[in-house]
Amino acid sequence: METEAVLDLLKQTAVDVITPRFRALAEGEVFVKDHPGDLVTVADRESEKVITAALRRAYPDAMILGEEAAAADPSLLEVFAGAEHSFTIDPIDGTYNFVHGKADHAVMVAELRSGEVVRSWIWQPEHQLAFVAEKGAGAYRNGERLPLLAPSADSNSWRGISSQSQIRDGEFDGLAPVRETWFCAGVDYSHLAAGDIDFIVFAHAKAWDHAPGLLLLSEVGGTIQRADGTRYDPAVARPWLIGGASPAVADGVRTYLGDAIGTLG
């Protein structure tokens, strides 16, 4: 499928399946997965089915890893890790926001070849914003190429966000206070790639959440690191990730946060 055709697929899926249920979910259409606050809706499940079916028709030999499929069958993660050609699908990123009527949610897909993200798509239906990236060809917002990021060298000026209270509540020499995220990786990464913030600290590293942002960020000069300083690998779900507007920012944040993430990384 051409890059624009995949974006059109996400947009149409949102029109058909997701947006009609926004602020209109009926009783019995929201479910708890692993713990309170970890929600899934009928819109997540139907969206994933639609996108998966379309990708399978176009790429019958590709491994397709959807968030809800992986929840039902965790062995798919091992298949994904060894796949030569694969896709990740996050049918509604920011489901908690979606359930609670907040506009900050997204539909995300990434394409990988031998474990490397080569194309990615983030569609934010309520904001009508599309972020698309192709390896070596740049990152785009609604068709306009995003410029390379140029963060300050002064770490005290870096604008950072995290969903983790222990990061937001901590005081770290060399860093300004870290504020709250949008609680949707697809929205968080879009703000980082656009230069609105300089870094993000995530506790979890699931491929469908971060593979799209990895390429989007890489194409504007940024990076995602694990707590040990190695570059994020979508096949490895070890906790704690730092998305930085540059490798220097990611290195600095990791150093300044120190034990706050090091013991868990």
Protein backbone atom coordinates (compact mmCIF):
# COMPACT_ATOMS: atom_id res chain seq x y z
CA MET A 1 0.00 0.00 0.00
CA GLU A 2 1.21 3.49 -0.75
CA THR A 3 1.94 5.62 2.30
CA GLU A 4 -1.04 7.87 1.64
CA ALA A 5 -3.33 4.85 1.27
CA VAL A 6 -2.44 3.62 4.75
CA LEU A 7 -3.17 7.06 6.16
CA ASP A 8 -6.51 7.05 4.34
CA LEU A 9 -7.23 3.65 5.91
CA LEU A 10 -6.67 5.07 9.40
CA LYS A 11 -8.79 8.12 8.67
CA GLN A 12 -11.68 6.08 7.27
CA THR A 13 -11.51 3.62 10.16
CA ALA A 14 -11.83 6.53 12.55
CA VAL A 15 -14.81 7.88 10.63
CA ASP A 16 -16.55 4.50 10.53
CA VAL A 17 -15.68 2.94 13.87
CA ILE A 18 -14.08 5.34 16.34
CA THR A 19 -15.57 8.81 16.07
CA PRO A 20 -19.22 7.68 16.12
CA ARG A 21 -18.55 6.27 19.60
CA PHE A 22 -16.62 9.28 20.90
CA ARG A 23 -18.60 10.63 23.87
CA ALA A 24 -21.30 8.11 22.91
CA LEU A 25 -20.09 4.79 24.34
CA ALA A 26 -22.98 2.68 25.56
CA GLU A 27 -23.09 0.65 28.73
CA GLY A 28 -21.24 -2.59 28.17
CA GLU A 29 -18.91 -1.14 25.49
CA VAL A 30 -16.00 -0.41 27.87
CA PHE A 31 -13.96 -3.14 29.55
CA VAL A 32 -11.09 -3.30 32.05
CA LYS A 33 -8.05 -5.28 30.89
CA ASP A 34 -5.24 -5.87 33.40
CA HIS A 35 -5.97 -3.26 36.04
CA PRO A 36 -8.31 -0.31 36.74
CA GLY A 37 -7.57 2.46 34.27
CA ASP A 38 -6.32 0.01 31.63
CA LEU A 39 -9.36 0.14 29.40
CA VAL A 40 -10.44 -1.28 26.08
CA THR A 41 -13.62 -0.50 24.15
CA VAL A 42 -15.57 -2.03 21.34
CA ALA A 43 -14.14 0.74 19.17
CA ASP A 44 -10.57 -0.44 19.91
CA ARG A 45 -11.43 -4.00 18.98
CA GLU A 46 -13.37 -3.15 15.82
CA SER A 47 -10.77 -0.63 14.66
CA GLU A 48 -7.98 -3.18 15.03
CA LYS A 49 -9.96 -5.77 13.06
CA VAL A 50 -10.56 -3.35 10.18
CA ILE A 51 -6.95 -2.20 9.96
CA THR A 52 -5.56 -5.72 10.37
CA ALA A 53 -7.77 -7.08 7.61
CA ALA A 54 -6.72 -4.33 5.19
CA LEU A 55 -3.02 -4.80 5.89
CA ARG A 56 -3.31 -8.59 5.56
CA ARG A 57 -4.93 -8.21 2.16
CA ALA A 58 -2.10 -5.96 1.03
CA TYR A 59 0.72 -7.86 2.75
CA PRO A 60 -0.30 -11.49 3.22
CA ASP A 61 3.20 -12.54 4.31
CA ALA A 62 3.70 -9.79 6.92
CA MET A 63 3.36 -10.36 10.66
CA ILE A 64 0.75 -7.99 12.10
CA LEU A 65 0.91 -7.16 15.80
CA GLY A 66 -2.20 -5.44 17.10
CA GLU A 67 -2.44 -4.33 20.71
CA GLU A 68 -5.64 -6.24 21.38
CA ALA A 69 -4.48 -9.34 19.52
CA ALA A 70 -1.33 -9.36 21.66
CA ALA A 71 -3.41 -8.98 24.81
CA ALA A 72 -5.36 -12.08 23.81
CA ASP A 73 -2.28 -14.04 22.67
CA PRO A 74 1.03 -12.84 24.20
CA SER A 75 2.97 -15.39 22.12
CA LEU A 76 2.53 -13.00 19.17
CA LEU A 77 5.23 -10.82 20.74
CA GLU A 78 7.83 -13.55 20.13
CA VAL A 79 6.71 -13.93 16.53
CA PHE A 80 6.93 -10.17 16.08
CA ALA A 81 10.46 -10.07 17.50
CA GLY A 82 11.69 -12.46 14.80
CA ALA A 83 9.66 -11.21 11.85
CA GLU A 84 11.36 -9.97 8.69
CA HIS A 85 8.34 -7.81 7.77
CA SER A 86 5.81 -6.63 10.31
CA PHE A 87 3.28 -3.99 11.27
CA THR A 88 2.20 -2.71 14.67
CA ILE A 89 -1.31 -1.39 15.25
CA ASP A 90 -2.54 0.73 18.12
CA PRO A 91 -6.25 0.93 17.26
CA ILE A 92 -6.95 3.70 19.77
CA ASP A 93 -3.94 5.10 21.56
CA GLY A 94 -5.11 6.98 24.63
CA THR A 95 -8.15 4.80 25.25
CA TYR A 96 -8.59 6.25 28.75
CA ASN A 97 -8.87 9.72 27.19
CA PHE A 98 -11.26 8.41 24.56
CA VAL A 99 -13.52 6.81 27.18
CA HIS A 100 -13.56 10.02 29.19
CA GLY A 101 -14.43 12.23 26.24
CA LYS A 102 -11.00 13.80 25.77
CA ALA A 103 -9.80 14.69 22.30
CA ASP A 104 -6.24 13.46 22.89
CA HIS A 105 -6.38 10.03 21.29
CA ALA A 106 -4.92 8.62 18.09
CA VAL A 107 -4.79 5.69 15.67
CA MET A 108 -1.25 4.47 14.99
CA VAL A 109 0.49 2.04 12.65
CA ALA A 110 4.18 1.32 12.07
CA GLU A 111 5.83 -0.82 9.40
CA LEU A 112 9.06 -2.64 10.22
CA ARG A 113 11.59 -4.45 8.03
CA SER A 114 13.98 -6.76 9.91
CA GLY A 115 13.07 -4.98 13.12
CA GLU A 116 13.70 -1.45 11.80
CA VAL A 117 10.78 0.98 11.53
CA VAL A 118 10.57 2.15 7.91
CA ARG A 119 7.17 3.90 7.83
CA SER A 120 4.83 5.19 10.50
CA TRP A 121 1.44 6.85 10.74
CA ILE A 122 -0.30 8.71 13.56
CA TRP A 123 -3.84 10.02 12.98
CA GLN A 124 -5.49 12.20 15.63
CA PRO A 125 -9.15 12.25 14.54
CA GLU A 126 -10.42 14.93 16.92
CA HIS A 127 -7.51 17.24 16.14
CA GLN A 128 -7.53 16.34 12.43
CA LEU A 129 -3.76 15.98 12.53
CA ALA A 130 -1.77 13.40 10.59
CA PHE A 131 1.88 12.67 11.34
CA VAL A 132 3.59 10.46 8.77
CA ALA A 133 7.23 9.42 8.52
CA GLU A 134 9.29 7.38 6.06
CA LYS A 135 12.82 6.26 6.83
CA GLY A 136 15.25 8.64 5.16
CA ALA A 137 12.48 10.75 3.65
CA GLY A 138 11.45 12.94 6.56
CA ALA A 139 8.48 13.43 8.86
CA TYR A 140 5.33 15.30 7.92
CA ARG A 141 2.41 16.96 9.68
CA ASN A 142 -0.66 17.22 7.44
CA GLY A 143 1.61 16.99 4.42
CA GLU A 144 4.09 19.66 5.53
CA ARG A 145 7.61 18.52 6.30
CA LEU A 146 8.71 19.02 9.89
CA PRO A 147 12.07 20.77 10.32
CA LEU A 148 14.99 19.26 12.18
CA LEU A 149 14.82 19.93 15.90
CA ALA A 150 17.34 22.32 17.47
CA PRO A 151 17.05 22.05 21.27
CA SER A 152 19.00 24.36 23.55
CA ALA A 153 22.26 23.17 25.08
CA ASP A 154 21.05 24.45 28.46
CA SER A 155 19.42 21.48 30.19
CA ASN A 156 17.60 23.76 32.63
CA SER A 157 15.59 25.10 29.69
CA TRP A 158 14.50 21.69 28.44
CA ARG A 159 10.74 21.20 28.58
CA GLY A 160 9.97 17.68 29.73
CA ILE A 161 6.87 15.58 30.33
CA SER A 162 6.07 12.23 31.91
CA SER A 163 2.99 10.29 32.92
CA GLN A 164 4.87 8.92 35.94
CA SER A 165 4.28 10.76 39.19
CA GLN A 166 7.69 9.80 40.61
CA ILE A 167 9.31 11.70 37.74
CA ARG A 168 7.00 14.71 37.92
CA ASP A 169 7.24 14.95 41.71
CA GLY A 170 11.01 14.54 41.84
CA GLU A 171 13.61 17.30 41.88
CA PHE A 172 16.55 16.63 39.60
CA ASP A 173 19.60 18.87 39.49
CA GLY A 174 20.11 20.15 35.95
CA LEU A 175 16.47 19.79 34.90
CA ALA A 176 13.45 22.04 35.22
CA PRO A 177 10.34 20.44 36.78
CA VAL A 178 8.79 17.78 34.56
CA ARG A 179 5.12 18.30 33.77
CA GLU A 180 2.26 15.97 32.87
CA THR A 181 1.89 14.32 29.48
CA TRP A 182 -1.17 14.23 27.26
CA PHE A 183 -1.52 10.56 28.32
CA CYS A 184 -1.43 9.42 24.71
CA ALA A 185 1.88 8.44 23.12
CA GLY A 186 0.60 9.44 19.68
CA VAL A 187 -0.06 12.96 20.91
CA ASP A 188 3.04 13.13 23.13
CA TYR A 189 5.39 12.15 20.29
CA SER A 190 3.75 14.57 17.89
CA HIS A 191 4.44 17.46 20.28
CA LEU A 192 8.04 16.33 20.69
CA ALA A 193 8.59 15.99 16.94
CA ALA A 194 7.04 19.43 16.39
CA GLY A 195 9.39 21.05 18.92
CA ASP A 196 6.75 21.92 21.51
CA ILE A 197 8.66 19.96 24.17
CA ASP A 198 12.20 18.60 24.45
CA PHE A 199 11.86 15.22 26.15
CA ILE A 200 9.42 12.57 27.37
CA VAL A 201 9.95 9.89 30.00
CA PHE A 202 7.85 6.74 29.58
CA ALA A 203 7.64 3.81 31.99
CA HIS A 204 6.44 1.25 29.45
CA ALA A 205 7.93 0.19 26.12
CA LYS A 206 5.29 -1.68 24.13
CA ALA A 207 5.91 -1.66 20.40
CA TRP A 208 2.51 -0.37 19.29
CA ASP A 209 2.94 2.68 21.55
CA HIS A 210 6.47 3.64 20.53
CA ALA A 211 7.38 2.25 17.09
CA PRO A 212 5.48 5.02 15.25
CA GLY A 213 7.03 7.73 17.42
CA LEU A 214 10.51 6.24 17.07
CA LEU A 215 10.61 6.89 13.33
CA LEU A 216 8.77 10.21 13.54
CA LEU A 217 11.31 11.44 16.06
CA SER A 218 14.33 9.98 14.27
CA GLU A 219 13.41 11.80 11.06
CA VAL A 220 13.61 15.18 12.83
CA GLY A 221 16.89 14.48 14.62
CA GLY A 222 15.57 13.01 17.87
CA THR A 223 15.92 9.61 19.45
CA ILE A 224 14.42 7.20 21.97
CA GLN A 225 16.74 5.60 24.50
CA ARG A 226 16.30 2.91 27.10
CA ALA A 227 17.44 3.49 30.66
CA ASP A 228 20.83 1.91 29.89
CA GLY A 229 21.48 4.37 27.07
CA THR A 230 20.90 1.97 24.19
CA ARG A 231 18.53 2.93 21.38
CA TYR A 232 14.97 1.70 21.76
CA ASP A 233 14.23 -1.60 20.02
CA PRO A 234 10.50 -2.24 19.47
CA ALA A 235 11.07 -5.98 19.99
CA VAL A 236 12.34 -5.38 23.54
CA ALA A 237 9.72 -4.28 26.06
CA ARG A 238 11.95 -3.49 29.04
CA PRO A 239 10.64 -0.55 31.09
CA TRP A 240 11.66 3.11 30.98
CA LEU A 241 12.24 5.04 27.79
CA ILE A 242 13.46 8.57 27.19
CA GLY A 243 12.43 10.33 24.02
CA GLY A 244 14.71 13.29 23.35
CA ALA A 245 14.77 16.08 20.78
CA SER A 246 18.39 15.06 20.17
CA PRO A 247 20.73 12.31 21.36
CA ALA A 248 22.39 14.89 23.61
CA VAL A 249 19.07 15.71 25.27
CA ALA A 250 18.26 12.03 25.80
CA ASP A 251 21.73 11.40 27.24
CA GLY A 252 21.42 14.38 29.55
CA VAL A 253 17.98 13.50 30.82
CA ARG A 254 19.05 9.93 31.48
CA THR A 255 22.05 11.17 33.46
CA TYR A 256 20.10 13.73 35.47
CA LEU A 257 17.31 11.30 36.33
CA GLY A 258 19.88 8.79 37.54
CA ASP A 259 18.52 6.31 40.07
CA ALA A 260 14.93 7.38 39.40
CA ILE A 261 14.99 5.14 36.33
CA GLY A 262 18.34 3.32 36.48
CA THR A 263 17.25 0.70 38.98
CA LEU A 264 14.20 -0.14 36.88
CA GLY A 265 15.75 0.00 33.42
